[in-house]
Amino acid sequence: MKLKTILGKNVKYHRYRKNFTQEQLAEILDVSSNYIGRLERGQHSPSLDKIEKIAKCLGVKEFELFLERDDYDNLPNRVNLTNPKK
């Protein structure tokens, strides 16, 4: 699996675990929700500074965003269908 794909799947995975929508994560990171969508699909390569911000926001260490996981299949196909209550 390509590194960009692993990064994207991990962002999606940890965003889902934190109950963030793409819009909420985008707002916190001061980027567009389209940016988050492209990132999660492995279509974008963020800067190291952005990776640090993403990791901090999601409550993980930076390196964890690059570790291939076995439980990606536990995610629904779309994790951004509703705006969860906080």
PDB file of N, CA and C in Angstrom:
ATOM      1  N   MET A   1       0.854  -1.173   0.000  1.00  0.00           N
ATOM      2  CA  MET A   1       0.000   0.000   0.000  1.00  0.00           C
ATOM      3  C   MET A   1       0.901   1.237   0.000  1.00  0.00           C
ATOM      4  N   LYS A   2       0.527   2.240  -0.788  1.00  0.00           N
ATOM      5  CA  LYS A   2       1.308   3.463  -0.872  1.00  0.00           C
ATOM      6  C   LYS A   2       1.227   4.250   0.442  1.00  0.00           C
ATOM      7  N   LEU A   3       2.284   4.961   0.732  1.00  0.00           N
ATOM      8  CA  LEU A   3       2.349   5.736   1.971  1.00  0.00           C
ATOM      9  C   LEU A   3       1.226   6.772   2.052  1.00  0.00           C
ATOM     10  N   LYS A   4       0.919   7.437   0.934  1.00  0.00           N
ATOM     11  CA  LYS A   4      -0.169   8.422   0.937  1.00  0.00           C
ATOM     12  C   LYS A   4      -1.508   7.765   1.250  1.00  0.00           C
ATOM     13  N   THR A   5      -1.689   6.544   0.783  1.00  0.00           N
ATOM     14  CA  THR A   5      -2.931   5.811   1.057  1.00  0.00           C
ATOM     15  C   THR A   5      -3.010   5.436   2.526  1.00  0.00           C
ATOM     16  N   ILE A   6      -1.913   4.973   3.084  1.00  0.00           N
ATOM     17  CA  ILE A   6      -1.875   4.626   4.509  1.00  0.00           C
ATOM     18  C   ILE A   6      -2.166   5.861   5.356  1.00  0.00           C
ATOM     19  N   LEU A   7      -1.521   6.973   5.025  1.00  0.00           N
ATOM     20  CA  LEU A   7      -1.765   8.222   5.755  1.00  0.00           C
ATOM     21  C   LEU A   7      -3.238   8.593   5.690  1.00  0.00           C
ATOM     22  N   GLY A   8      -3.806   8.547   4.502  1.00  0.00           N
ATOM     23  CA  GLY A   8      -5.209   8.911   4.336  1.00  0.00           C
ATOM     24  C   GLY A   8      -6.143   8.022   5.117  1.00  0.00           C
ATOM     25  N   LYS A   9      -5.911   6.726   5.073  1.00  0.00           N
ATOM     26  CA  LYS A   9      -6.761   5.797   5.819  1.00  0.00           C
ATOM     27  C   LYS A   9      -6.632   6.024   7.324  1.00  0.00           C
ATOM     28  N   ASN A  10      -5.428   6.362   7.781  1.00  0.00           N
ATOM     29  CA  ASN A  10      -5.247   6.625   9.205  1.00  0.00           C
ATOM     30  C   ASN A  10      -5.911   7.923   9.634  1.00  0.00           C
ATOM     31  N   VAL A  11      -5.859   8.940   8.807  1.00  0.00           N
ATOM     32  CA  VAL A  11      -6.560  10.187   9.132  1.00  0.00           C
ATOM     33  C   VAL A  11      -8.052   9.897   9.246  1.00  0.00           C
ATOM     34  N   LYS A  12      -8.584   9.168   8.278  1.00  0.00           N
ATOM     35  CA  LYS A  12     -10.002   8.811   8.304  1.00  0.00           C
ATOM     36  C   LYS A  12     -10.333   7.988   9.545  1.00  0.00           C
ATOM     37  N   TYR A  13      -9.499   6.997   9.838  1.00  0.00           N
ATOM     38  CA  TYR A  13      -9.713   6.123  10.994  1.00  0.00           C
ATOM     39  C   TYR A  13      -9.743   6.923  12.304  1.00  0.00           C
ATOM     40  N   HIS A  14      -8.738   7.759  12.516  1.00  0.00           N
ATOM     41  CA  HIS A  14      -8.653   8.511  13.772  1.00  0.00           C
ATOM     42  C   HIS A  14      -9.697   9.624  13.827  1.00  0.00           C
ATOM     43  N   ARG A  15     -10.040  10.185  12.690  1.00  0.00           N
ATOM     44  CA  ARG A  15     -11.117  11.192  12.660  1.00  0.00           C
ATOM     45  C   ARG A  15     -12.425  10.537  13.081  1.00  0.00           C
ATOM     46  N   TYR A  16     -12.679   9.344  12.562  1.00  0.00           N
ATOM     47  CA  TYR A  16     -13.896   8.603  12.909  1.00  0.00           C
ATOM     48  C   TYR A  16     -13.922   8.286  14.404  1.00  0.00           C
ATOM     49  N   ARG A  17     -12.789   7.861  14.941  1.00  0.00           N
ATOM     50  CA  ARG A  17     -12.710   7.529  16.373  1.00  0.00           C
ATOM     51  C   ARG A  17     -12.940   8.746  17.259  1.00  0.00           C
ATOM     52  N   LYS A  18     -12.576   9.940  16.758  1.00  0.00           N
ATOM     53  CA  LYS A  18     -12.780  11.175  17.527  1.00  0.00           C
ATOM     54  C   LYS A  18     -14.155  11.792  17.257  1.00  0.00           C
ATOM     55  N   ASN A  19     -14.953  11.145  16.409  1.00  0.00           N
ATOM     56  CA  ASN A  19     -16.284  11.642  16.049  1.00  0.00           C
ATOM     57  C   ASN A  19     -16.242  13.019  15.394  1.00  0.00           C
ATOM     58  N   PHE A  20     -15.227  13.249  14.579  1.00  0.00           N
ATOM     59  CA  PHE A  20     -15.137  14.491  13.807  1.00  0.00           C
ATOM     60  C   PHE A  20     -15.685  14.253  12.408  1.00  0.00           C
ATOM     61  N   THR A  21     -16.414  15.211  11.891  1.00  0.00           N
ATOM     62  CA  THR A  21     -16.746  15.190  10.476  1.00  0.00           C
ATOM     63  C   THR A  21     -15.551  15.760   9.722  1.00  0.00           C
ATOM     64  N   GLN A  22     -15.548  15.589   8.405  1.00  0.00           N
ATOM     65  CA  GLN A  22     -14.488  16.203   7.605  1.00  0.00           C
ATOM     66  C   GLN A  22     -14.515  17.715   7.785  1.00  0.00           C
ATOM     67  N   GLU A  23     -15.707  18.276   7.859  1.00  0.00           N
ATOM     68  CA  GLU A  23     -15.844  19.727   8.019  1.00  0.00           C
ATOM     69  C   GLU A  23     -15.270  20.203   9.347  1.00  0.00           C
ATOM     70  N   GLN A  24     -15.522  19.456  10.415  1.00  0.00           N
ATOM     71  CA  GLN A  24     -15.000  19.845  11.727  1.00  0.00           C
ATOM     72  C   GLN A  24     -13.481  19.784  11.748  1.00  0.00           C
ATOM     73  N   LEU A  25     -12.908  18.717  11.211  1.00  0.00           N
ATOM     74  CA  LEU A  25     -11.461  18.599  11.167  1.00  0.00           C
ATOM     75  C   LEU A  25     -10.869  19.705  10.300  1.00  0.00           C
ATOM     76  N   ALA A  26     -11.498  19.966   9.170  1.00  0.00           N
ATOM     77  CA  ALA A  26     -11.018  21.026   8.269  1.00  0.00           C
ATOM     78  C   ALA A  26     -11.025  22.383   8.968  1.00  0.00           C
ATOM     79  N   GLU A  27     -12.074  22.658   9.719  1.00  0.00           N
ATOM     80  CA  GLU A  27     -12.164  23.940  10.420  1.00  0.00           C
ATOM     81  C   GLU A  27     -11.045  24.078  11.453  1.00  0.00           C
ATOM     82  N   ILE A  28     -10.796  23.035  12.204  1.00  0.00           N
ATOM     83  CA  ILE A  28      -9.739  23.063  13.216  1.00  0.00           C
ATOM     84  C   ILE A  28      -8.376  23.283  12.568  1.00  0.00           C
ATOM     85  N   LEU A  29      -8.155  22.629  11.417  1.00  0.00           N
ATOM     86  CA  LEU A  29      -6.857  22.717  10.728  1.00  0.00           C
ATOM     87  C   LEU A  29      -6.756  23.926   9.804  1.00  0.00           C
ATOM     88  N   ASP A  30      -7.850  24.662   9.653  1.00  0.00           N
ATOM     89  CA  ASP A  30      -7.901  25.833   8.774  1.00  0.00           C
ATOM     90  C   ASP A  30      -7.607  25.454   7.322  1.00  0.00           C
ATOM     91  N   VAL A  31      -8.276  24.389   6.878  1.00  0.00           N
ATOM     92  CA  VAL A  31      -8.201  23.946   5.486  1.00  0.00           C
ATOM     93  C   VAL A  31      -9.637  23.682   5.015  1.00  0.00           C
ATOM     94  N   SER A  32      -9.806  23.368   3.752  1.00  0.00           N
ATOM     95  CA  SER A  32     -11.139  23.062   3.244  1.00  0.00           C
ATOM     96  C   SER A  32     -11.501  21.603   3.513  1.00  0.00           C
ATOM     97  N   SER A  33     -12.789  21.324   3.527  1.00  0.00           N
ATOM     98  CA  SER A  33     -13.213  19.934   3.688  1.00  0.00           C
ATOM     99  C   SER A  33     -12.808  19.119   2.461  1.00  0.00           C
ATOM    100  N   ASN A  34     -12.689  19.766   1.300  1.00  0.00           N
ATOM    101  CA  ASN A  34     -12.188  19.070   0.110  1.00  0.00           C
ATOM    102  C   ASN A  34     -10.756  18.602   0.319  1.00  0.00           C
ATOM    103  N   TYR A  35      -9.954  19.404   1.005  1.00  0.00           N
ATOM    104  CA  TYR A  35      -8.572  19.029   1.323  1.00  0.00           C
ATOM    105  C   TYR A  35      -8.558  17.747   2.152  1.00  0.00           C
ATOM    106  N   ILE A  36      -9.431  17.692   3.162  1.00  0.00           N
ATOM    107  CA  ILE A  36      -9.505  16.510   4.025  1.00  0.00           C
ATOM    108  C   ILE A  36      -9.948  15.299   3.208  1.00  0.00           C
ATOM    109  N   GLY A  37     -10.924  15.475   2.343  1.00  0.00           N
ATOM    110  CA  GLY A  37     -11.381  14.379   1.504  1.00  0.00           C
ATOM    111  C   GLY A  37     -10.279  13.848   0.595  1.00  0.00           C
ATOM    112  N   ARG A  38      -9.542  14.746  -0.039  1.00  0.00           N
ATOM    113  CA  ARG A  38      -8.430  14.337  -0.903  1.00  0.00           C
ATOM    114  C   ARG A  38      -7.349  13.639  -0.084  1.00  0.00           C
ATOM    115  N   LEU A  39      -7.071  14.165   1.101  1.00  0.00           N
ATOM    116  CA  LEU A  39      -6.071  13.564   1.979  1.00  0.00           C
ATOM    117  C   LEU A  39      -6.479  12.139   2.353  1.00  0.00           C
ATOM    118  N   GLU A  40      -7.736  11.955   2.739  1.00  0.00           N
ATOM    119  CA  GLU A  40      -8.221  10.645   3.151  1.00  0.00           C
ATOM    120  C   GLU A  40      -8.246   9.640   2.000  1.00  0.00           C
ATOM    121  N   ARG A  41      -8.379  10.120   0.779  1.00  0.00           N
ATOM    122  CA  ARG A  41      -8.362   9.239  -0.392  1.00  0.00           C
ATOM    123  C   ARG A  41      -6.945   8.983  -0.907  1.00  0.00           C
ATOM    124  N   GLY A  42      -5.946   9.554  -0.244  1.00  0.00           N
ATOM    125  CA  GLY A  42      -4.563   9.352  -0.661  1.00  0.00           C
ATOM    126  C   GLY A  42      -4.183  10.158  -1.881  1.00  0.00           C
ATOM    127  N   GLN A  43      -4.865  11.264  -2.106  1.00  0.00           N
ATOM    128  CA  GLN A  43      -4.631  12.095  -3.283  1.00  0.00           C
ATOM    129  C   GLN A  43      -3.844  13.359  -2.965  1.00  0.00           C
ATOM    130  N   HIS A  44      -3.404  13.497  -1.731  1.00  0.00           N
ATOM    131  CA  HIS A  44      -2.697  14.707  -1.332  1.00  0.00           C
ATOM    132  C   HIS A  44      -1.546  14.344  -0.392  1.00  0.00           C
ATOM    133  N   SER A  45      -0.454  15.060  -0.523  1.00  0.00           N
ATOM    134  CA  SER A  45       0.713  14.869   0.352  1.00  0.00           C
ATOM    135  C   SER A  45       0.887  16.105   1.223  1.00  0.00           C
ATOM    136  N   PRO A  46       0.482  16.028   2.483  1.00  0.00           N
ATOM    137  CA  PRO A  46       0.599  17.197   3.351  1.00  0.00           C
ATOM    138  C   PRO A  46       2.045  17.457   3.757  1.00  0.00           C
ATOM    139  N   SER A  47       2.300  18.699   4.132  1.00  0.00           N
ATOM    140  CA  SER A  47       3.628  19.065   4.638  1.00  0.00           C
ATOM    141  C   SER A  47       3.828  18.450   6.025  1.00  0.00           C
ATOM    142  N   LEU A  48       5.065  18.431   6.462  1.00  0.00           N
ATOM    143  CA  LEU A  48       5.351  17.915   7.811  1.00  0.00           C
ATOM    144  C   LEU A  48       4.654  18.749   8.871  1.00  0.00           C
ATOM    145  N   ASP A  49       4.606  20.062   8.674  1.00  0.00           N
ATOM    146  CA  ASP A  49       3.899  20.920   9.633  1.00  0.00           C
ATOM    147  C   ASP A  49       2.423  20.540   9.717  1.00  0.00           C
ATOM    148  N   LYS A  50       1.819  20.262   8.567  1.00  0.00           N
ATOM    149  CA  LYS A  50       0.397  19.890   8.543  1.00  0.00           C
ATOM    150  C   LYS A  50       0.202  18.524   9.204  1.00  0.00           C
ATOM    151  N   ILE A  51       1.130  17.604   8.986  1.00  0.00           N
ATOM    152  CA  ILE A  51       1.041  16.289   9.624  1.00  0.00           C
ATOM    153  C   ILE A  51       1.096  16.433  11.143  1.00  0.00           C
ATOM    154  N   GLU A  52       1.959  17.309  11.636  1.00  0.00           N
ATOM    155  CA  GLU A  52       2.030  17.564  13.080  1.00  0.00           C
ATOM    156  C   GLU A  52       0.698  18.094  13.605  1.00  0.00           C
ATOM    157  N   LYS A  53       0.087  19.020  12.872  1.00  0.00           N
ATOM    158  CA  LYS A  53      -1.202  19.592  13.297  1.00  0.00           C
ATOM    159  C   LYS A  53      -2.306  18.545  13.273  1.00  0.00           C
ATOM    160  N   ILE A  54      -2.317  17.720  12.227  1.00  0.00           N
ATOM    161  CA  ILE A  54      -3.329  16.674  12.119  1.00  0.00           C
ATOM    162  C   ILE A  54      -3.199  15.705  13.287  1.00  0.00           C
ATOM    163  N   ALA A  55      -1.987  15.257  13.557  1.00  0.00           N
ATOM    164  CA  ALA A  55      -1.757  14.307  14.648  1.00  0.00           C
ATOM    165  C   ALA A  55      -2.194  14.895  15.989  1.00  0.00           C
ATOM    166  N   LYS A  56      -1.827  16.133  16.235  1.00  0.00           N
ATOM    167  CA  LYS A  56      -2.199  16.780  17.499  1.00  0.00           C
ATOM    168  C   LYS A  56      -3.719  16.862  17.621  1.00  0.00           C
ATOM    169  N   CYS A  57      -4.372  17.264  16.564  1.00  0.00           N
ATOM    170  CA  CYS A  57      -5.827  17.391  16.556  1.00  0.00           C
ATOM    171  C   CYS A  57      -6.508  16.042  16.808  1.00  0.00           C
ATOM    172  N   LEU A  58      -5.945  14.984  16.247  1.00  0.00           N
ATOM    173  CA  LEU A  58      -6.539  13.657  16.378  1.00  0.00           C
ATOM    174  C   LEU A  58      -6.062  12.909  17.621  1.00  0.00           C
ATOM    175  N   GLY A  59      -5.133  13.509  18.369  1.00  0.00           N
ATOM    176  CA  GLY A  59      -4.671  12.921  19.620  1.00  0.00           C
ATOM    177  C   GLY A  59      -3.786  11.706  19.446  1.00  0.00           C
ATOM    178  N   VAL A  60      -2.980  11.715  18.370  1.00  0.00           N
ATOM    179  CA  VAL A  60      -2.059  10.600  18.123  1.00  0.00           C
ATOM    180  C   VAL A  60      -0.664  11.159  17.866  1.00  0.00           C
ATOM    181  N   LYS A  61       0.329  10.282  17.921  1.00  0.00           N
ATOM    182  CA  LYS A  61       1.696  10.661  17.561  1.00  0.00           C
ATOM    183  C   LYS A  61       1.807  10.671  16.039  1.00  0.00           C
ATOM    184  N   GLU A  62       2.661  11.505  15.528  1.00  0.00           N
ATOM    185  CA  GLU A  62       2.803  11.656  14.080  1.00  0.00           C
ATOM    186  C   GLU A  62       3.076  10.322  13.393  1.00  0.00           C
ATOM    187  N   PHE A  63       3.961   9.524  13.964  1.00  0.00           N
ATOM    188  CA  PHE A  63       4.329   8.261  13.322  1.00  0.00           C
ATOM    189  C   PHE A  63       3.143   7.309  13.200  1.00  0.00           C
ATOM    190  N   GLU A  64       2.154   7.444  14.102  1.00  0.00           N
ATOM    191  CA  GLU A  64       0.987   6.564  14.052  1.00  0.00           C
ATOM    192  C   GLU A  64       0.169   6.759  12.784  1.00  0.00           C
ATOM    193  N   LEU A  65       0.298   7.925  12.170  1.00  0.00           N
ATOM    194  CA  LEU A  65      -0.429   8.187  10.931  1.00  0.00           C
ATOM    195  C   LEU A  65       0.166   7.431   9.748  1.00  0.00           C
ATOM    196  N   PHE A  66       1.331   6.823   9.937  1.00  0.00           N
ATOM    197  CA  PHE A  66       2.004   6.109   8.852  1.00  0.00           C
ATOM    198  C   PHE A  66       2.092   4.607   9.085  1.00  0.00           C
ATOM    199  N   LEU A  67       1.464   4.110  10.147  1.00  0.00           N
ATOM    200  CA  LEU A  67       1.475   2.676  10.445  1.00  0.00           C
ATOM    201  C   LEU A  67       0.280   2.006   9.780  1.00  0.00           C
ATOM    202  N   GLU A  68       0.548   0.973   9.004  1.00  0.00           N
ATOM    203  CA  GLU A  68      -0.536   0.249   8.350  1.00  0.00           C
ATOM    204  C   GLU A  68      -1.297  -0.554   9.402  1.00  0.00           C
ATOM    205  N   ARG A  69      -2.619  -0.463   9.360  1.00  0.00           N
ATOM    206  CA  ARG A  69      -3.480  -1.112  10.347  1.00  0.00           C
ATOM    207  C   ARG A  69      -4.205  -2.295   9.712  1.00  0.00           C
ATOM    208  N   ASP A  70      -4.635  -3.216  10.557  1.00  0.00           N
ATOM    209  CA  ASP A  70      -5.407  -4.364  10.082  1.00  0.00           C
ATOM    210  C   ASP A  70      -6.912  -4.114  10.159  1.00  0.00           C
ATOM    211  N   ASP A  71      -7.333  -3.068  10.866  1.00  0.00           N
ATOM    212  CA  ASP A  71      -8.761  -2.882  11.123  1.00  0.00           C
ATOM    213  C   ASP A  71      -9.398  -1.751  10.331  1.00  0.00           C
ATOM    214  N   TYR A  72      -8.846  -1.396   9.179  1.00  0.00           N
ATOM    215  CA  TYR A  72      -9.495  -0.396   8.324  1.00  0.00           C
ATOM    216  C   TYR A  72     -10.884  -0.870   7.904  1.00  0.00           C
ATOM    217  N   ASP A  73     -11.043  -2.184   7.780  1.00  0.00           N
ATOM    218  CA  ASP A  73     -12.324  -2.727   7.331  1.00  0.00           C
ATOM    219  C   ASP A  73     -13.429  -2.490   8.345  1.00  0.00           C
ATOM    220  N   ASN A  74     -13.086  -2.134   9.578  1.00  0.00           N
ATOM    221  CA  ASN A  74     -14.096  -1.854  10.592  1.00  0.00           C
ATOM    222  C   ASN A  74     -14.756  -0.494  10.401  1.00  0.00           C
ATOM    223  N   LEU A  75     -14.206   0.313   9.480  1.00  0.00           N
ATOM    224  CA  LEU A  75     -14.793   1.617   9.194  1.00  0.00           C
ATOM    225  C   LEU A  75     -15.936   1.474   8.206  1.00  0.00           C
ATOM    226  N   PRO A  76     -17.006   2.236   8.386  1.00  0.00           N
ATOM    227  CA  PRO A  76     -18.026   2.259   7.335  1.00  0.00           C
ATOM    228  C   PRO A  76     -17.431   2.885   6.071  1.00  0.00           C
ATOM    229  N   ASN A  77     -18.023   2.590   4.921  1.00  0.00           N
ATOM    230  CA  ASN A  77     -17.521   3.166   3.669  1.00  0.00           C
ATOM    231  C   ASN A  77     -17.488   4.682   3.720  1.00  0.00           C
ATOM    232  N   ARG A  78     -18.510   5.276   4.308  1.00  0.00           N
ATOM    233  CA  ARG A  78     -18.563   6.733   4.439  1.00  0.00           C
ATOM    234  C   ARG A  78     -18.721   7.047   5.912  1.00  0.00           C
ATOM    235  N   VAL A  79     -17.813   7.835   6.445  1.00  0.00           N
ATOM    236  CA  VAL A  79     -17.884   8.151   7.871  1.00  0.00           C
ATOM    237  C   VAL A  79     -18.280   9.596   8.102  1.00  0.00           C
ATOM    238  N   ASN A  80     -18.761  10.255   7.070  1.00  0.00           N
ATOM    239  CA  ASN A  80     -19.063  11.671   7.180  1.00  0.00           C
ATOM    240  C   ASN A  80     -20.526  11.956   6.866  1.00  0.00           C
ATOM    241  N   LEU A  81     -21.402  10.980   7.084  1.00  0.00           N
ATOM    242  CA  LEU A  81     -22.772  11.134   6.689  1.00  0.00           C
ATOM    243  C   LEU A  81     -23.577  12.026   7.624  1.00  0.00           C
ATOM    244  N   THR A  82     -23.218  12.063   8.892  1.00  0.00           N
ATOM    245  CA  THR A  82     -23.946  12.873   9.850  1.00  0.00           C
ATOM    246  C   THR A  82     -22.968  13.723  10.645  1.00  0.00           C
ATOM    247  N   ASN A  83     -23.470  14.742  11.239  1.00  0.00           N
ATOM    248  CA  ASN A  83     -22.672  15.600  12.090  1.00  0.00           C
ATOM    249  C   ASN A  83     -22.875  15.148  13.526  1.00  0.00           C
ATOM    250  N   PRO A  84     -21.946  14.385  14.103  1.00  0.00           N
ATOM    251  CA  PRO A  84     -22.158  13.846  15.454  1.00  0.00           C
ATOM    252  C   PRO A  84     -22.239  14.960  16.499  1.00  0.00           C
ATOM    253  N   LYS A  85     -23.021  14.682  17.509  1.00  0.00           N
ATOM    254  CA  LYS A  85     -23.135  15.629  18.635  1.00  0.00           C
ATOM    255  C   LYS A  85     -21.911  15.504  19.506  1.00  0.00           C
ATOM    256  N   LYS A  86     -21.458  16.620  20.026  1.00  0.00           N
ATOM    257  CA  LYS A  86     -20.287  16.618  20.916  1.00  0.00           C
ATOM    258  C   LYS A  86     -20.747  16.794  22.335  1.00  0.00           C
TER     259      LYS A  86
END
